[in-house]
Amino acid sequence: MSDESTNLPESERLPTMQRILDNPFILLFIGVLFPAVFYIIWGIVEIVNIPIAQ
């Protein structure tokens, strides 16, 4: 019973997306960062669109 990953040459690396999707901490970071940035930008746009009182 041999592991296929041990048969890969040393110069062959995993694709970037596979390394990102295999790391739960990166997924957690992305899952928190994107909504936070989205809502901050959305809030700034809403504040800018408030009409000035006269």
N, C-alpha and C. Protein backbone atom coordinates (compact mmCIF):
# COMPACT_ATOMS: atom_id res chain seq x y z
N MET A 1 0.84 -1.17 0.00
CA MET A 1 0.00 0.00 0.00
C MET A 1 0.89 1.24 0.00
N SER A 2 1.09 1.84 -1.16
CA SER A 2 1.97 3.00 -1.24
C SER A 2 1.16 4.28 -1.35
N ASP A 3 1.67 5.31 -0.78
CA ASP A 3 1.01 6.61 -0.82
C ASP A 3 1.39 7.31 -2.12
N GLU A 4 0.40 7.78 -2.86
CA GLU A 4 0.68 8.40 -4.15
C GLU A 4 1.43 9.71 -4.02
N SER A 5 1.24 10.42 -2.91
CA SER A 5 1.91 11.70 -2.74
C SER A 5 3.42 11.53 -2.58
N THR A 6 3.87 10.36 -2.13
CA THR A 6 5.31 10.14 -1.99
C THR A 6 5.96 9.87 -3.35
N ASN A 7 5.18 9.54 -4.36
CA ASN A 7 5.71 9.27 -5.68
C ASN A 7 5.90 10.54 -6.51
N LEU A 8 5.45 11.69 -6.00
CA LEU A 8 5.60 12.93 -6.74
C LEU A 8 7.04 13.42 -6.68
N PRO A 9 7.53 13.99 -7.76
CA PRO A 9 8.88 14.55 -7.70
C PRO A 9 8.93 15.76 -6.77
N GLU A 10 10.13 16.04 -6.26
CA GLU A 10 10.31 17.14 -5.31
C GLU A 10 9.98 18.49 -5.92
N SER A 11 10.20 18.66 -7.21
CA SER A 11 9.99 19.95 -7.85
C SER A 11 8.51 20.25 -8.09
N GLU A 12 7.64 19.25 -8.01
CA GLU A 12 6.21 19.46 -8.28
C GLU A 12 5.53 19.93 -6.99
N ARG A 13 4.89 21.10 -7.07
CA ARG A 13 4.22 21.68 -5.91
C ARG A 13 2.72 21.62 -6.11
N LEU A 14 2.00 21.73 -4.99
CA LEU A 14 0.54 21.77 -5.07
C LEU A 14 0.10 23.10 -5.65
N PRO A 15 -1.00 23.11 -6.39
CA PRO A 15 -1.52 24.38 -6.91
C PRO A 15 -1.92 25.31 -5.75
N THR A 16 -1.87 26.60 -6.00
CA THR A 16 -2.14 27.59 -4.96
C THR A 16 -3.55 27.45 -4.41
N MET A 17 -4.54 27.29 -5.27
CA MET A 17 -5.93 27.19 -4.79
C MET A 17 -6.12 25.94 -3.92
N GLN A 18 -5.45 24.86 -4.24
CA GLN A 18 -5.57 23.66 -3.43
C GLN A 18 -4.95 23.88 -2.05
N ARG A 19 -3.83 24.57 -1.99
CA ARG A 19 -3.22 24.86 -0.69
C ARG A 19 -4.11 25.77 0.14
N ILE A 20 -4.78 26.76 -0.51
CA ILE A 20 -5.68 27.66 0.22
C ILE A 20 -6.89 26.90 0.73
N LEU A 21 -7.49 26.09 -0.12
CA LEU A 21 -8.71 25.37 0.26
C LEU A 21 -8.45 24.24 1.25
N ASP A 22 -7.22 23.78 1.36
CA ASP A 22 -6.88 22.73 2.31
C ASP A 22 -6.57 23.28 3.70
N ASN A 23 -6.39 24.59 3.83
CA ASN A 23 -6.02 25.19 5.11
C ASN A 23 -7.25 25.82 5.77
N PRO A 24 -7.74 25.24 6.86
CA PRO A 24 -8.96 25.79 7.48
C PRO A 24 -8.76 27.17 8.08
N PHE A 25 -7.56 27.50 8.50
CA PHE A 25 -7.32 28.81 9.10
C PHE A 25 -7.37 29.92 8.05
N ILE A 26 -6.88 29.63 6.86
CA ILE A 26 -6.98 30.62 5.77
C ILE A 26 -8.45 30.80 5.38
N LEU A 27 -9.20 29.71 5.33
CA LEU A 27 -10.62 29.80 5.01
C LEU A 27 -11.37 30.60 6.07
N LEU A 28 -11.02 30.40 7.34
CA LEU A 28 -11.64 31.17 8.42
C LEU A 28 -11.31 32.65 8.27
N PHE A 29 -10.05 32.96 8.00
CA PHE A 29 -9.61 34.34 7.83
C PHE A 29 -10.36 35.00 6.67
N ILE A 30 -10.46 34.31 5.54
CA ILE A 30 -11.17 34.85 4.38
C ILE A 30 -12.66 35.01 4.69
N GLY A 31 -13.24 34.03 5.40
CA GLY A 31 -14.65 34.08 5.73
C GLY A 31 -15.02 35.20 6.68
N VAL A 32 -14.08 35.66 7.48
CA VAL A 32 -14.33 36.78 8.38
C VAL A 32 -13.95 38.10 7.70
N LEU A 33 -12.87 38.11 6.95
CA LEU A 33 -12.35 39.34 6.36
C LEU A 33 -13.26 39.90 5.28
N PHE A 34 -13.70 39.07 4.33
CA PHE A 34 -14.50 39.58 3.22
C PHE A 34 -15.82 40.19 3.65
N PRO A 35 -16.62 39.53 4.49
CA PRO A 35 -17.86 40.19 4.93
C PRO A 35 -17.59 41.47 5.72
N ALA A 36 -16.55 41.46 6.55
CA ALA A 36 -16.24 42.66 7.34
C ALA A 36 -15.90 43.83 6.43
N VAL A 37 -15.04 43.60 5.46
CA VAL A 37 -14.67 44.67 4.51
C VAL A 37 -15.88 45.11 3.71
N PHE A 38 -16.70 44.17 3.27
CA PHE A 38 -17.90 44.49 2.49
C PHE A 38 -18.84 45.39 3.28
N TYR A 39 -19.11 45.03 4.55
CA TYR A 39 -20.04 45.81 5.36
C TYR A 39 -19.45 47.17 5.73
N ILE A 40 -18.15 47.26 5.93
CA ILE A 40 -17.52 48.56 6.21
C ILE A 40 -17.66 49.48 5.01
N ILE A 41 -17.37 48.96 3.82
CA ILE A 41 -17.50 49.77 2.60
C ILE A 41 -18.96 50.15 2.38
N TRP A 42 -19.87 49.22 2.59
CA TRP A 42 -21.30 49.49 2.44
C TRP A 42 -21.74 50.58 3.41
N GLY A 43 -21.28 50.53 4.65
CA GLY A 43 -21.61 51.55 5.64
C GLY A 43 -21.07 52.92 5.27
N ILE A 44 -19.86 52.97 4.75
CA ILE A 44 -19.28 54.25 4.32
C ILE A 44 -20.09 54.84 3.18
N VAL A 45 -20.48 54.01 2.22
CA VAL A 45 -21.30 54.47 1.09
C VAL A 45 -22.64 55.00 1.59
N GLU A 46 -23.26 54.30 2.54
CA GLU A 46 -24.54 54.76 3.08
C GLU A 46 -24.39 56.10 3.80
N ILE A 47 -23.33 56.27 4.57
CA ILE A 47 -23.11 57.54 5.29
C ILE A 47 -22.87 58.68 4.31
N VAL A 48 -22.12 58.41 3.25
CA VAL A 48 -21.84 59.44 2.25
C VAL A 48 -23.13 59.85 1.52
N ASN A 49 -24.07 58.93 1.36
CA ASN A 49 -25.31 59.21 0.62
C ASN A 49 -26.39 59.90 1.47
N ILE A 50 -26.15 60.10 2.76
CA ILE A 50 -27.13 60.78 3.60
C ILE A 50 -27.15 62.26 3.20
N PRO A 51 -28.33 62.81 2.89
CA PRO A 51 -28.38 64.21 2.52
C PRO A 51 -28.04 65.13 3.70
N ILE A 52 -27.40 66.25 3.40
CA ILE A 52 -27.00 67.20 4.43
C ILE A 52 -28.23 68.00 4.86
N ALA A 53 -28.43 68.12 6.19
CA ALA A 53 -29.58 68.86 6.72
C ALA A 53 -29.35 70.36 6.53
N GLN A 54 -30.46 71.08 6.32
CA GLN A 54 -30.34 72.53 6.12
C GLN A 54 -31.10 73.30 7.14
